[in-house]
Amino acid sequence: MSSVTDYSPREELANRLSHGLGLVFGILGLILLLNKGWEQGTQALISYSLYGGSLVLLYLASTLYHSMAEGAARRWCKVFDHCAIYLLIAGTYTPFLLVALDTPLAQGLMVVIWGLALAGVVFKLLFINRFKKLSLFTYLMLGWLSLVVIYQLYIHLEGEGLLLLGLGGLIYSLGVIFYVAKRIPYNHAIWHLFVLGGSVCHFMAIYGYVA
């Protein structure tokens, strides 16, 4: 994300409100999934907790970052914000791989995804303001590694669930266009709306067709 001077006060307000709404959505989604997890057993409960917790964490980090004045607190919230993206990507995979599939290939991919996500967190802690293009590439690459298990997902998920999963990934990816288009007014808030849209699609896929 950028420094506070890159956004007008109205743009920063839009940034806060858009992901503040996402925070409310994330909390409600976590509660709903935990209720289902209690009924399905330990593995499902842990999977939904990781996913729902990472969803809340992302929107909390972003909302805090865009609420802070320039200074040390904002800089740390920026780190928190960027790290949370890696955690949400891995968290979103978890119910699909460990609940919907739970095959050797899915379990192996789960280890790879979380390993790469944690490596991404360390990378951001060390190089928050450097290698921005590389960071963007790793976000997209991690997200589309789901193609490794696309055939298994096709078999185990209903058509609507698979459609929501793919649509969510597409919305996230298209949002990157606005993330990098700094000259478009409110580009960052528009990016936030794409993130929210992708999150809603993936939540609907998990709650409706995995849980």
N, C-alpha and C. Protein backbone atom coordinates (compact mmCIF):
# COMPACT_ATOMS: atom_id res chain seq x y z
N MET A 1 0.84 -1.18 0.00
CA MET A 1 0.00 0.00 0.00
C MET A 1 0.88 1.25 0.00
N SER A 2 0.27 2.38 -0.16
CA SER A 2 1.05 3.60 -0.31
C SER A 2 0.99 4.42 0.96
N SER A 3 1.74 5.48 0.99
CA SER A 3 1.71 6.37 2.12
C SER A 3 0.46 7.19 2.12
N VAL A 4 0.21 7.84 3.26
CA VAL A 4 -1.03 8.58 3.41
C VAL A 4 -1.15 9.71 2.40
N THR A 5 -0.05 10.26 1.93
CA THR A 5 -0.11 11.39 1.01
C THR A 5 -0.60 10.99 -0.38
N ASP A 6 -0.67 9.70 -0.68
CA ASP A 6 -1.11 9.26 -1.99
C ASP A 6 -2.62 9.30 -2.15
N TYR A 7 -3.36 9.47 -1.07
CA TYR A 7 -4.82 9.48 -1.12
C TYR A 7 -5.35 10.78 -0.56
N SER A 8 -6.39 11.31 -1.21
CA SER A 8 -7.07 12.47 -0.66
C SER A 8 -7.86 12.03 0.57
N PRO A 9 -8.28 12.97 1.43
CA PRO A 9 -9.10 12.58 2.60
C PRO A 9 -10.34 11.79 2.21
N ARG A 10 -11.00 12.16 1.12
CA ARG A 10 -12.19 11.43 0.70
C ARG A 10 -11.84 10.03 0.21
N GLU A 11 -10.73 9.92 -0.49
CA GLU A 11 -10.30 8.60 -0.95
C GLU A 11 -9.96 7.70 0.24
N GLU A 12 -9.28 8.27 1.21
CA GLU A 12 -8.92 7.47 2.38
C GLU A 12 -10.16 7.05 3.17
N LEU A 13 -11.16 7.92 3.21
CA LEU A 13 -12.43 7.56 3.85
C LEU A 13 -13.08 6.39 3.12
N ALA A 14 -13.07 6.44 1.79
CA ALA A 14 -13.63 5.34 1.00
C ALA A 14 -12.83 4.05 1.23
N ASN A 15 -11.52 4.18 1.36
CA ASN A 15 -10.69 3.01 1.66
C ASN A 15 -11.07 2.38 2.99
N ARG A 16 -11.28 3.24 4.00
CA ARG A 16 -11.64 2.74 5.33
C ARG A 16 -13.01 2.08 5.33
N LEU A 17 -13.98 2.77 4.74
CA LEU A 17 -15.35 2.27 4.78
C LEU A 17 -15.51 0.97 4.01
N SER A 18 -14.84 0.86 2.87
CA SER A 18 -14.99 -0.34 2.05
C SER A 18 -14.49 -1.58 2.78
N HIS A 19 -13.35 -1.47 3.44
CA HIS A 19 -12.86 -2.64 4.15
C HIS A 19 -13.36 -2.71 5.58
N GLY A 20 -13.91 -1.62 6.10
CA GLY A 20 -14.65 -1.71 7.36
C GLY A 20 -15.88 -2.58 7.18
N LEU A 21 -16.54 -2.41 6.03
CA LEU A 21 -17.67 -3.27 5.68
C LEU A 21 -17.20 -4.72 5.56
N GLY A 22 -16.02 -4.91 4.97
CA GLY A 22 -15.46 -6.25 4.86
C GLY A 22 -15.18 -6.87 6.21
N LEU A 23 -14.77 -6.05 7.18
CA LEU A 23 -14.51 -6.55 8.53
C LEU A 23 -15.78 -7.09 9.17
N VAL A 24 -16.88 -6.35 9.02
CA VAL A 24 -18.17 -6.82 9.55
C VAL A 24 -18.56 -8.13 8.87
N PHE A 25 -18.41 -8.18 7.56
CA PHE A 25 -18.71 -9.40 6.81
C PHE A 25 -17.85 -10.57 7.30
N GLY A 26 -16.56 -10.32 7.52
CA GLY A 26 -15.66 -11.37 7.96
C GLY A 26 -16.03 -11.92 9.32
N ILE A 27 -16.40 -11.04 10.24
CA ILE A 27 -16.78 -11.49 11.59
C ILE A 27 -18.04 -12.34 11.54
N LEU A 28 -19.04 -11.88 10.78
CA LEU A 28 -20.28 -12.65 10.65
C LEU A 28 -20.01 -14.00 9.97
N GLY A 29 -19.17 -13.98 8.94
CA GLY A 29 -18.84 -15.22 8.24
C GLY A 29 -18.13 -16.21 9.15
N LEU A 30 -17.21 -15.72 9.97
CA LEU A 30 -16.49 -16.59 10.90
C LEU A 30 -17.45 -17.25 11.88
N ILE A 31 -18.39 -16.48 12.41
CA ILE A 31 -19.38 -17.03 13.35
C ILE A 31 -20.21 -18.12 12.69
N LEU A 32 -20.68 -17.86 11.48
CA LEU A 32 -21.49 -18.85 10.77
C LEU A 32 -20.71 -20.13 10.50
N LEU A 33 -19.46 -20.00 10.10
CA LEU A 33 -18.65 -21.17 9.80
C LEU A 33 -18.28 -21.96 11.05
N LEU A 34 -18.03 -21.26 12.14
CA LEU A 34 -17.73 -21.97 13.39
C LEU A 34 -18.91 -22.80 13.85
N ASN A 35 -20.12 -22.29 13.67
CA ASN A 35 -21.31 -23.05 14.02
C ASN A 35 -21.38 -24.35 13.22
N LYS A 36 -21.05 -24.28 11.92
CA LYS A 36 -21.04 -25.49 11.10
C LYS A 36 -19.88 -26.40 11.48
N GLY A 37 -18.74 -25.80 11.82
CA GLY A 37 -17.57 -26.59 12.17
C GLY A 37 -17.78 -27.44 13.41
N TRP A 38 -18.51 -26.91 14.39
CA TRP A 38 -18.80 -27.68 15.60
C TRP A 38 -19.55 -28.96 15.26
N GLU A 39 -20.37 -28.91 14.23
CA GLU A 39 -21.18 -30.07 13.85
C GLU A 39 -20.38 -31.08 13.03
N GLN A 40 -19.33 -30.63 12.34
CA GLN A 40 -18.62 -31.49 11.39
C GLN A 40 -17.37 -32.14 11.94
N GLY A 41 -16.86 -31.67 13.05
CA GLY A 41 -15.68 -32.30 13.63
C GLY A 41 -14.47 -31.39 13.66
N THR A 42 -13.40 -31.92 14.25
CA THR A 42 -12.21 -31.11 14.54
C THR A 42 -11.54 -30.56 13.29
N GLN A 43 -11.35 -31.40 12.28
CA GLN A 43 -10.64 -30.94 11.07
C GLN A 43 -11.40 -29.82 10.38
N ALA A 44 -12.71 -29.96 10.29
CA ALA A 44 -13.52 -28.90 9.68
C ALA A 44 -13.48 -27.64 10.52
N LEU A 45 -13.57 -27.79 11.84
CA LEU A 45 -13.55 -26.63 12.72
C LEU A 45 -12.24 -25.86 12.61
N ILE A 46 -11.13 -26.58 12.57
CA ILE A 46 -9.82 -25.93 12.43
C ILE A 46 -9.72 -25.24 11.06
N SER A 47 -10.19 -25.91 10.02
CA SER A 47 -10.13 -25.34 8.67
C SER A 47 -10.94 -24.06 8.57
N TYR A 48 -12.16 -24.08 9.12
CA TYR A 48 -13.02 -22.89 9.06
C TYR A 48 -12.46 -21.78 9.93
N SER A 49 -11.83 -22.16 11.05
CA SER A 49 -11.23 -21.15 11.93
C SER A 49 -10.07 -20.44 11.23
N LEU A 50 -9.24 -21.21 10.53
CA LEU A 50 -8.12 -20.61 9.81
C LEU A 50 -8.61 -19.70 8.69
N TYR A 51 -9.61 -20.17 7.96
CA TYR A 51 -10.15 -19.34 6.88
C TYR A 51 -10.84 -18.09 7.43
N GLY A 52 -11.79 -18.28 8.34
CA GLY A 52 -12.52 -17.14 8.88
C GLY A 52 -11.63 -16.17 9.63
N GLY A 53 -10.67 -16.72 10.38
CA GLY A 53 -9.74 -15.86 11.11
C GLY A 53 -8.88 -15.04 10.18
N SER A 54 -8.42 -15.64 9.08
CA SER A 54 -7.59 -14.90 8.12
C SER A 54 -8.41 -13.84 7.39
N LEU A 55 -9.70 -14.12 7.19
CA LEU A 55 -10.58 -13.13 6.54
C LEU A 55 -10.75 -11.91 7.44
N VAL A 56 -11.01 -12.16 8.72
CA VAL A 56 -11.14 -11.05 9.68
C VAL A 56 -9.83 -10.29 9.79
N LEU A 57 -8.73 -11.02 9.83
CA LEU A 57 -7.41 -10.40 9.98
C LEU A 57 -7.11 -9.46 8.81
N LEU A 58 -7.42 -9.89 7.60
CA LEU A 58 -7.15 -9.06 6.43
C LEU A 58 -7.92 -7.74 6.50
N TYR A 59 -9.22 -7.83 6.76
CA TYR A 59 -10.03 -6.61 6.76
C TYR A 59 -9.72 -5.72 7.96
N LEU A 60 -9.36 -6.33 9.08
CA LEU A 60 -8.95 -5.54 10.24
C LEU A 60 -7.66 -4.79 9.93
N ALA A 61 -6.68 -5.49 9.35
CA ALA A 61 -5.40 -4.86 9.03
C ALA A 61 -5.58 -3.70 8.06
N SER A 62 -6.37 -3.92 7.02
CA SER A 62 -6.58 -2.88 6.02
C SER A 62 -7.32 -1.68 6.60
N THR A 63 -8.35 -1.94 7.39
CA THR A 63 -9.12 -0.85 7.99
C THR A 63 -8.26 -0.03 8.94
N LEU A 64 -7.45 -0.70 9.74
CA LEU A 64 -6.55 0.01 10.66
C LEU A 64 -5.54 0.84 9.88
N TYR A 65 -4.96 0.25 8.85
CA TYR A 65 -3.95 0.96 8.07
C TYR A 65 -4.51 2.25 7.48
N HIS A 66 -5.70 2.18 6.92
CA HIS A 66 -6.28 3.36 6.28
C HIS A 66 -6.92 4.32 7.29
N SER A 67 -6.90 3.95 8.56
CA SER A 67 -7.42 4.84 9.60
C SER A 67 -6.31 5.61 10.32
N MET A 68 -5.06 5.22 10.09
CA MET A 68 -3.94 5.79 10.82
C MET A 68 -3.37 7.02 10.12
N ALA A 69 -2.95 7.98 10.94
CA ALA A 69 -2.17 9.11 10.43
C ALA A 69 -0.75 8.63 10.18
N GLU A 70 -0.01 9.37 9.37
CA GLU A 70 1.36 9.00 9.05
C GLU A 70 2.18 8.90 10.33
N GLY A 71 2.99 7.86 10.41
CA GLY A 71 3.81 7.65 11.59
C GLY A 71 4.14 6.18 11.75
N ALA A 72 4.73 5.85 12.89
CA ALA A 72 5.18 4.47 13.12
C ALA A 72 4.01 3.49 13.14
N ALA A 73 2.90 3.89 13.75
CA ALA A 73 1.75 2.98 13.83
C ALA A 73 1.22 2.63 12.44
N ARG A 74 1.15 3.64 11.57
CA ARG A 74 0.68 3.38 10.21
C ARG A 74 1.64 2.47 9.45
N ARG A 75 2.93 2.68 9.65
CA ARG A 75 3.91 1.84 8.96
C ARG A 75 3.79 0.38 9.40
N TRP A 76 3.58 0.15 10.69
CA TRP A 76 3.40 -1.22 11.16
C TRP A 76 2.09 -1.82 10.67
N CYS A 77 1.05 -0.99 10.57
CA CYS A 77 -0.21 -1.48 10.03
C CYS A 77 -0.08 -1.84 8.55
N LYS A 78 0.80 -1.13 7.85
CA LYS A 78 1.06 -1.46 6.45
C LYS A 78 1.68 -2.86 6.34
N VAL A 79 2.64 -3.15 7.22
CA VAL A 79 3.24 -4.48 7.25
C VAL A 79 2.18 -5.53 7.56
N PHE A 80 1.37 -5.25 8.58
CA PHE A 80 0.27 -6.13 8.98
C PHE A 80 -0.66 -6.39 7.81
N ASP A 81 -0.99 -5.33 7.09
CA ASP A 81 -1.90 -5.40 5.94
C ASP A 81 -1.34 -6.33 4.86
N HIS A 82 -0.10 -6.15 4.51
CA HIS A 82 0.50 -6.94 3.44
C HIS A 82 0.68 -8.40 3.84
N CYS A 83 1.08 -8.62 5.09
CA CYS A 83 1.23 -10.00 5.57
C CYS A 83 -0.11 -10.72 5.57
N ALA A 84 -1.17 -9.99 5.91
CA ALA A 84 -2.50 -10.60 5.99
C ALA A 84 -2.99 -11.11 4.64
N ILE A 85 -2.50 -10.53 3.55
CA ILE A 85 -2.89 -11.01 2.22
C ILE A 85 -2.42 -12.44 2.02
N TYR A 86 -1.16 -12.71 2.37
CA TYR A 86 -0.64 -14.07 2.25
C TYR A 86 -1.45 -15.04 3.12
N LEU A 87 -1.78 -14.60 4.33
CA LEU A 87 -2.51 -15.47 5.24
C LEU A 87 -3.93 -15.75 4.75
N LEU A 88 -4.57 -14.75 4.14
CA LEU A 88 -5.92 -14.99 3.61
C LEU A 88 -5.88 -15.95 2.43
N ILE A 89 -4.89 -15.83 1.57
CA ILE A 89 -4.79 -16.76 0.45
C ILE A 89 -4.68 -18.19 0.96
N ALA A 90 -3.77 -18.42 1.91
CA ALA A 90 -3.61 -19.76 2.47
C ALA A 90 -4.86 -20.18 3.25
N GLY A 91 -5.43 -19.24 3.98
CA GLY A 91 -6.63 -19.56 4.75
C GLY A 91 -7.80 -19.95 3.87
N THR A 92 -7.93 -19.31 2.72
CA THR A 92 -9.03 -19.62 1.81
C THR A 92 -8.87 -21.01 1.21
N TYR A 93 -7.65 -21.41 0.93
CA TYR A 93 -7.40 -22.76 0.42
C TYR A 93 -7.84 -23.84 1.40
N THR A 94 -7.68 -23.58 2.70
CA THR A 94 -7.74 -24.63 3.71
C THR A 94 -9.04 -25.44 3.70
N PRO A 95 -10.23 -24.81 3.72
CA PRO A 95 -11.46 -25.63 3.68
C PRO A 95 -11.60 -26.45 2.40
N PHE A 96 -11.19 -25.89 1.28
CA PHE A 96 -11.28 -26.63 0.02
C PHE A 96 -10.38 -27.86 0.04
N LEU A 97 -9.15 -27.70 0.53
CA LEU A 97 -8.17 -28.78 0.46
C LEU A 97 -8.35 -29.81 1.57
N LEU A 98 -8.73 -29.37 2.77
CA LEU A 98 -8.79 -30.29 3.91
C LEU A 98 -10.19 -30.78 4.25
N VAL A 99 -11.22 -30.11 3.73
CA VAL A 99 -12.59 -30.55 4.01
C VAL A 99 -13.24 -31.09 2.74
N ALA A 100 -13.26 -30.28 1.68
CA ALA A 100 -13.90 -30.72 0.44
C ALA A 100 -13.15 -31.87 -0.21
N LEU A 101 -11.80 -31.84 -0.17
CA LEU A 101 -11.00 -32.86 -0.85
C LEU A 101 -10.37 -33.85 0.13
N ASP A 102 -9.44 -33.39 0.93
CA ASP A 102 -8.72 -34.22 1.90
C ASP A 102 -8.08 -35.45 1.23
N THR A 103 -7.47 -35.24 0.08
CA THR A 103 -6.75 -36.28 -0.64
C THR A 103 -5.25 -36.07 -0.44
N PRO A 104 -4.41 -37.06 -0.76
CA PRO A 104 -2.96 -36.86 -0.63
C PRO A 104 -2.46 -35.65 -1.42
N LEU A 105 -2.96 -35.47 -2.65
CA LEU A 105 -2.54 -34.31 -3.44
C LEU A 105 -2.96 -33.01 -2.78
N ALA A 106 -4.18 -32.96 -2.27
CA ALA A 106 -4.68 -31.75 -1.60
C ALA A 106 -3.89 -31.47 -0.33
N GLN A 107 -3.58 -32.51 0.42
CA GLN A 107 -2.80 -32.33 1.65
C GLN A 107 -1.39 -31.83 1.33
N GLY A 108 -0.80 -32.37 0.27
CA GLY A 108 0.53 -31.90 -0.14
C GLY A 108 0.51 -30.45 -0.58
N LEU A 109 -0.52 -30.09 -1.35
CA LEU A 109 -0.65 -28.69 -1.78
C LEU A 109 -0.86 -27.78 -0.59
N MET A 110 -1.58 -28.28 0.43
CA MET A 110 -1.82 -27.49 1.63
C MET A 110 -0.50 -27.12 2.31
N VAL A 111 0.40 -28.09 2.40
CA VAL A 111 1.71 -27.84 3.01
C VAL A 111 2.49 -26.81 2.19
N VAL A 112 2.45 -26.95 0.88
CA VAL A 112 3.16 -26.02 -0.01
C VAL A 112 2.59 -24.61 0.13
N ILE A 113 1.27 -24.49 0.09
CA ILE A 113 0.62 -23.18 0.15
C ILE A 113 0.94 -22.47 1.45
N TRP A 114 0.79 -23.16 2.57
CA TRP A 114 1.06 -22.51 3.86
C TRP A 114 2.55 -22.20 4.02
N GLY A 115 3.41 -23.07 3.49
CA GLY A 115 4.84 -22.79 3.54
C GLY A 115 5.19 -21.53 2.76
N LEU A 116 4.63 -21.40 1.56
CA LEU A 116 4.88 -20.21 0.74
C LEU A 116 4.27 -18.96 1.37
N ALA A 117 3.09 -19.11 1.97
CA ALA A 117 2.44 -17.96 2.61
C ALA A 117 3.27 -17.46 3.79
N LEU A 118 3.77 -18.37 4.60
CA LEU A 118 4.59 -17.97 5.74
C LEU A 118 5.91 -17.37 5.28
N ALA A 119 6.46 -17.90 4.18
CA ALA A 119 7.67 -17.30 3.60
C ALA A 119 7.36 -15.89 3.11
N GLY A 120 6.16 -15.70 2.55
CA GLY A 120 5.75 -14.37 2.11
C GLY A 120 5.63 -13.39 3.26
N VAL A 121 5.14 -13.87 4.40
CA VAL A 121 5.05 -13.02 5.59
C VAL A 121 6.43 -12.56 6.02
N VAL A 122 7.37 -13.50 6.07
CA VAL A 122 8.75 -13.15 6.45
C VAL A 122 9.33 -12.16 5.44
N PHE A 123 9.08 -12.40 4.16
CA PHE A 123 9.55 -11.51 3.10
C PHE A 123 9.04 -10.09 3.32
N LYS A 124 7.75 -9.96 3.66
CA LYS A 124 7.16 -8.64 3.87
C LYS A 124 7.72 -7.97 5.12
N LEU A 125 7.97 -8.75 6.15
CA LEU A 125 8.55 -8.18 7.37
C LEU A 125 9.94 -7.60 7.10
N LEU A 126 10.65 -8.20 6.17
CA LEU A 126 12.01 -7.76 5.87
C LEU A 126 12.07 -6.68 4.79
N PHE A 127 11.14 -6.74 3.82
CA PHE A 127 11.23 -5.87 2.64
C PHE A 127 9.89 -5.22 2.31
N ILE A 128 9.26 -4.57 3.26
CA ILE A 128 7.90 -4.06 3.06
C ILE A 128 7.80 -3.07 1.91
N ASN A 129 8.79 -2.23 1.70
CA ASN A 129 8.71 -1.20 0.65
C ASN A 129 9.53 -1.54 -0.59
N ARG A 130 9.94 -2.79 -0.73
CA ARG A 130 10.76 -3.18 -1.87
C ARG A 130 10.12 -4.36 -2.61
N PHE A 131 10.55 -4.55 -3.85
CA PHE A 131 10.13 -5.70 -4.67
C PHE A 131 8.60 -5.78 -4.80
N LYS A 132 7.97 -4.64 -5.09
CA LYS A 132 6.51 -4.61 -5.14
C LYS A 132 5.93 -5.47 -6.26
N LYS A 133 6.58 -5.45 -7.42
CA LYS A 133 6.09 -6.28 -8.53
C LYS A 133 6.21 -7.76 -8.20
N LEU A 134 7.29 -8.13 -7.53
CA LEU A 134 7.46 -9.52 -7.13
C LEU A 134 6.38 -9.93 -6.14
N SER A 135 6.05 -9.04 -5.21
CA SER A 135 5.00 -9.32 -4.24
C SER A 135 3.67 -9.57 -4.94
N LEU A 136 3.35 -8.70 -5.88
CA LEU A 136 2.09 -8.83 -6.62
C LEU A 136 2.05 -10.15 -7.38
N PHE A 137 3.18 -10.51 -7.98
CA PHE A 137 3.25 -11.78 -8.70
C PHE A 137 3.03 -12.96 -7.76
N THR A 138 3.63 -12.91 -6.58
CA THR A 138 3.48 -14.04 -5.65
C THR A 138 2.05 -14.17 -5.15
N TYR A 139 1.36 -13.04 -4.95
CA TYR A 139 -0.06 -13.11 -4.55
C TYR A 139 -0.87 -13.85 -5.62
N LEU A 140 -0.69 -13.45 -6.87
CA LEU A 140 -1.44 -14.07 -7.97
C LEU A 140 -1.04 -15.52 -8.17
N MET A 141 0.25 -15.79 -8.09
CA MET A 141 0.74 -17.16 -8.27
C MET A 141 0.17 -18.09 -7.21
N LEU A 142 0.20 -17.65 -5.96
CA LEU A 142 -0.35 -18.46 -4.88
C LEU A 142 -1.84 -18.73 -5.09
N GLY A 143 -2.56 -17.70 -5.50
CA GLY A 143 -3.98 -17.86 -5.71
C GLY A 143 -4.32 -18.87 -6.79
N TRP A 144 -3.57 -18.85 -7.87
CA TRP A 144 -3.90 -19.71 -9.01
C TRP A 144 -3.22 -21.07 -8.96
N LEU A 145 -2.49 -21.36 -7.88
CA LEU A 145 -1.98 -22.71 -7.68
C LEU A 145 -3.12 -23.71 -7.46
N SER A 146 -4.30 -23.19 -7.25
CA SER A 146 -5.48 -24.07 -7.11
C SER A 146 -5.70 -24.92 -8.36
N LEU A 147 -5.15 -24.49 -9.48
CA LEU A 147 -5.29 -25.26 -10.72
C LEU A 147 -4.66 -26.65 -10.60
N VAL A 148 -3.75 -26.81 -9.64
CA VAL A 148 -3.14 -28.13 -9.41
C VAL A 148 -4.19 -29.17 -9.05
N VAL A 149 -5.23 -28.74 -8.34
CA VAL A 149 -6.27 -29.69 -7.91
C VAL A 149 -7.61 -29.40 -8.59
N ILE A 150 -7.59 -28.74 -9.73
CA ILE A 150 -8.83 -28.33 -10.37
C ILE A 150 -9.69 -29.54 -10.75
N TYR A 151 -9.06 -30.64 -11.17
CA TYR A 151 -9.84 -31.81 -11.55
C TYR A 151 -10.52 -32.42 -10.32
N GLN A 152 -9.79 -32.50 -9.22
CA GLN A 152 -10.39 -33.02 -7.99
C GLN A 152 -11.52 -32.12 -7.49
N LEU A 153 -11.33 -30.81 -7.60
CA LEU A 153 -12.39 -29.89 -7.21
C LEU A 153 -13.61 -30.06 -8.11
N TYR A 154 -13.37 -30.30 -9.38
CA TYR A 154 -14.47 -30.52 -10.33
C TYR A 154 -15.29 -31.75 -9.93
N ILE A 155 -14.60 -32.78 -9.45
CA ILE A 155 -15.28 -34.00 -9.05
C ILE A 155 -16.04 -33.83 -7.73
N HIS A 156 -15.43 -33.17 -6.76
CA HIS A 156 -15.97 -33.13 -5.41
C HIS A 156 -16.91 -31.95 -5.14
N LEU A 157 -16.77 -30.86 -5.88
CA LEU A 157 -17.64 -29.70 -5.66
C LEU A 157 -18.79 -29.72 -6.66
N GLU A 158 -19.95 -29.26 -6.23
CA GLU A 158 -21.04 -29.05 -7.17
C GLU A 158 -20.65 -27.94 -8.15
N GLY A 159 -21.30 -27.93 -9.30
CA GLY A 159 -20.96 -26.96 -10.33
C GLY A 159 -21.01 -25.52 -9.86
N GLU A 160 -22.03 -25.20 -9.05
CA GLU A 160 -22.16 -23.83 -8.55
C GLU A 160 -21.01 -23.47 -7.62
N GLY A 161 -20.57 -24.43 -6.81
CA GLY A 161 -19.46 -24.18 -5.91
C GLY A 161 -18.17 -23.92 -6.65
N LEU A 162 -17.92 -24.71 -7.69
CA LEU A 162 -16.72 -24.52 -8.50
C LEU A 162 -16.78 -23.19 -9.25
N LEU A 163 -17.97 -22.83 -9.71
CA LEU A 163 -18.15 -21.55 -10.39
C LEU A 163 -17.85 -20.38 -9.46
N LEU A 164 -18.34 -20.45 -8.23
CA LEU A 164 -18.08 -19.39 -7.25
C LEU A 164 -16.59 -19.30 -6.92
N LEU A 165 -15.94 -20.45 -6.81
CA LEU A 165 -14.50 -20.47 -6.54
C LEU A 165 -13.73 -19.78 -7.66
N GLY A 166 -14.03 -20.16 -8.90
CA GLY A 166 -13.35 -19.55 -10.04
C GLY A 166 -13.67 -18.08 -10.20
N LEU A 167 -14.95 -17.73 -9.97
CA LEU A 167 -15.36 -16.33 -10.10
C LEU A 167 -14.66 -15.47 -9.06
N GLY A 168 -14.53 -15.98 -7.84
CA GLY A 168 -13.82 -15.24 -6.81
C GLY A 168 -12.38 -14.97 -7.19
N GLY A 169 -11.70 -16.00 -7.72
CA GLY A 169 -10.32 -15.81 -8.16
C GLY A 169 -10.20 -14.81 -9.29
N LEU A 170 -11.16 -14.85 -10.21
CA LEU A 170 -11.15 -13.92 -11.33
C LEU A 170 -11.37 -12.48 -10.86
N ILE A 171 -12.30 -12.29 -9.91
CA ILE A 171 -12.57 -10.95 -9.38
C ILE A 171 -11.34 -10.39 -8.67
N TYR A 172 -10.71 -11.21 -7.82
CA TYR A 172 -9.47 -10.78 -7.18
C TYR A 172 -8.44 -10.34 -8.23
N SER A 173 -8.26 -11.17 -9.25
CA SER A 173 -7.22 -10.91 -10.26
C SER A 173 -7.51 -9.65 -11.06
N LEU A 174 -8.77 -9.46 -11.45
CA LEU A 174 -9.13 -8.25 -12.20
C LEU A 174 -8.96 -7.00 -11.35
N GLY A 175 -9.17 -7.13 -10.06
CA GLY A 175 -9.01 -5.98 -9.17
C GLY A 175 -7.60 -5.43 -9.16
N VAL A 176 -6.63 -6.28 -9.47
CA VAL A 176 -5.23 -5.85 -9.50
C VAL A 176 -5.03 -4.72 -10.51
N ILE A 177 -5.84 -4.72 -11.57
CA ILE A 177 -5.75 -3.65 -12.58
C ILE A 177 -5.92 -2.29 -11.92
N PHE A 178 -6.88 -2.18 -11.01
CA PHE A 178 -7.14 -0.91 -10.33
C PHE A 178 -6.12 -0.66 -9.23
N TYR A 179 -5.61 -1.72 -8.63
CA TYR A 179 -4.58 -1.56 -7.60
C TYR A 179 -3.35 -0.84 -8.15
N VAL A 180 -2.98 -1.18 -9.39
CA VAL A 180 -1.76 -0.59 -9.98
C VAL A 180 -2.05 0.69 -10.76
N ALA A 181 -3.33 0.98 -11.02
CA ALA A 181 -3.69 2.16 -11.83
C ALA A 181 -3.81 3.38 -10.93
N LYS A 182 -2.67 3.91 -10.52
CA LYS A 182 -2.64 4.98 -9.53
C LYS A 182 -3.30 6.28 -10.00
N ARG A 183 -3.41 6.46 -11.32
CA ARG A 183 -3.96 7.73 -11.83
C ARG A 183 -5.49 7.76 -11.80
N ILE A 184 -6.12 6.62 -11.60
CA ILE A 184 -7.59 6.58 -11.55
C ILE A 184 -8.05 7.05 -10.18
N PRO A 185 -8.92 8.06 -10.12
CA PRO A 185 -9.43 8.50 -8.81
C PRO A 185 -10.10 7.34 -8.07
N TYR A 186 -9.84 7.26 -6.79
CA TYR A 186 -10.42 6.22 -5.94
C TYR A 186 -10.01 4.81 -6.39
N ASN A 187 -8.86 4.72 -7.03
CA ASN A 187 -8.43 3.39 -7.53
C ASN A 187 -8.30 2.38 -6.40
N HIS A 188 -7.82 2.83 -5.25
CA HIS A 188 -7.59 1.89 -4.16
C HIS A 188 -8.91 1.42 -3.55
N ALA A 189 -9.87 2.31 -3.45
CA ALA A 189 -11.19 1.92 -2.95
C ALA A 189 -11.87 0.95 -3.92
N ILE A 190 -11.67 1.19 -5.22
CA ILE A 190 -12.22 0.26 -6.22
C ILE A 190 -11.57 -1.11 -6.07
N TRP A 191 -10.27 -1.12 -5.87
CA TRP A 191 -9.56 -2.38 -5.60
C TRP A 191 -10.14 -3.07 -4.38
N HIS A 192 -10.43 -2.30 -3.34
CA HIS A 192 -11.03 -2.86 -2.13
C HIS A 192 -12.37 -3.53 -2.43
N LEU A 193 -13.16 -2.93 -3.30
CA LEU A 193 -14.46 -3.51 -3.66
C LEU A 193 -14.28 -4.83 -4.41
N PHE A 194 -13.26 -4.91 -5.25
CA PHE A 194 -12.97 -6.18 -5.92
C PHE A 194 -12.55 -7.24 -4.91
N VAL A 195 -11.74 -6.85 -3.94
CA VAL A 195 -11.35 -7.78 -2.88
C VAL A 195 -12.57 -8.27 -2.12
N LEU A 196 -13.47 -7.35 -1.80
CA LEU A 196 -14.69 -7.71 -1.10
C LEU A 196 -15.54 -8.66 -1.94
N GLY A 197 -15.64 -8.37 -3.23
CA GLY A 197 -16.40 -9.24 -4.12
C GLY A 197 -15.81 -10.64 -4.21
N GLY A 198 -14.49 -10.72 -4.32
CA GLY A 198 -13.83 -12.03 -4.35
C GLY A 198 -14.03 -12.79 -3.05
N SER A 199 -13.96 -12.07 -1.94
CA SER A 199 -14.17 -12.69 -0.63
C SER A 199 -15.57 -13.26 -0.49
N VAL A 200 -16.56 -12.50 -0.95
CA VAL A 200 -17.95 -12.95 -0.86
C VAL A 200 -18.15 -14.21 -1.69
N CYS A 201 -17.61 -14.24 -2.90
CA CYS A 201 -17.73 -15.43 -3.75
C CYS A 201 -17.12 -16.65 -3.08
N HIS A 202 -15.93 -16.50 -2.53
CA HIS A 202 -15.27 -17.64 -1.90
C HIS A 202 -15.99 -18.06 -0.63
N PHE A 203 -16.51 -17.10 0.13
CA PHE A 203 -17.28 -17.47 1.32
C PHE A 203 -18.53 -18.26 0.93
N MET A 204 -19.22 -17.80 -0.10
CA MET A 204 -20.42 -18.50 -0.55
C MET A 204 -20.09 -19.92 -1.01
N ALA A 205 -18.95 -20.08 -1.68
CA ALA A 205 -18.53 -21.41 -2.12
C ALA A 205 -18.25 -22.32 -0.93
N ILE A 206 -17.57 -21.77 0.08
CA ILE A 206 -17.22 -22.58 1.25
C ILE A 206 -18.45 -22.88 2.10
N TYR A 207 -19.24 -21.86 2.39
CA TYR A 207 -20.40 -22.05 3.27
C TYR A 207 -21.49 -22.88 2.61
N GLY A 208 -21.66 -22.70 1.31
CA GLY A 208 -22.74 -23.38 0.62
C GLY A 208 -22.40 -24.74 0.07
N TYR A 209 -21.10 -24.98 -0.25
CA TYR A 209 -20.76 -26.21 -0.97
C TYR A 209 -19.63 -27.02 -0.34
N VAL A 210 -19.01 -26.49 0.72
CA VAL A 210 -17.98 -27.23 1.44
C VAL A 210 -18.45 -27.55 2.85
N ALA A 211 -18.94 -26.53 3.55
CA ALA A 211 -19.36 -26.70 4.95
C ALA A 211 -20.64 -27.52 5.07
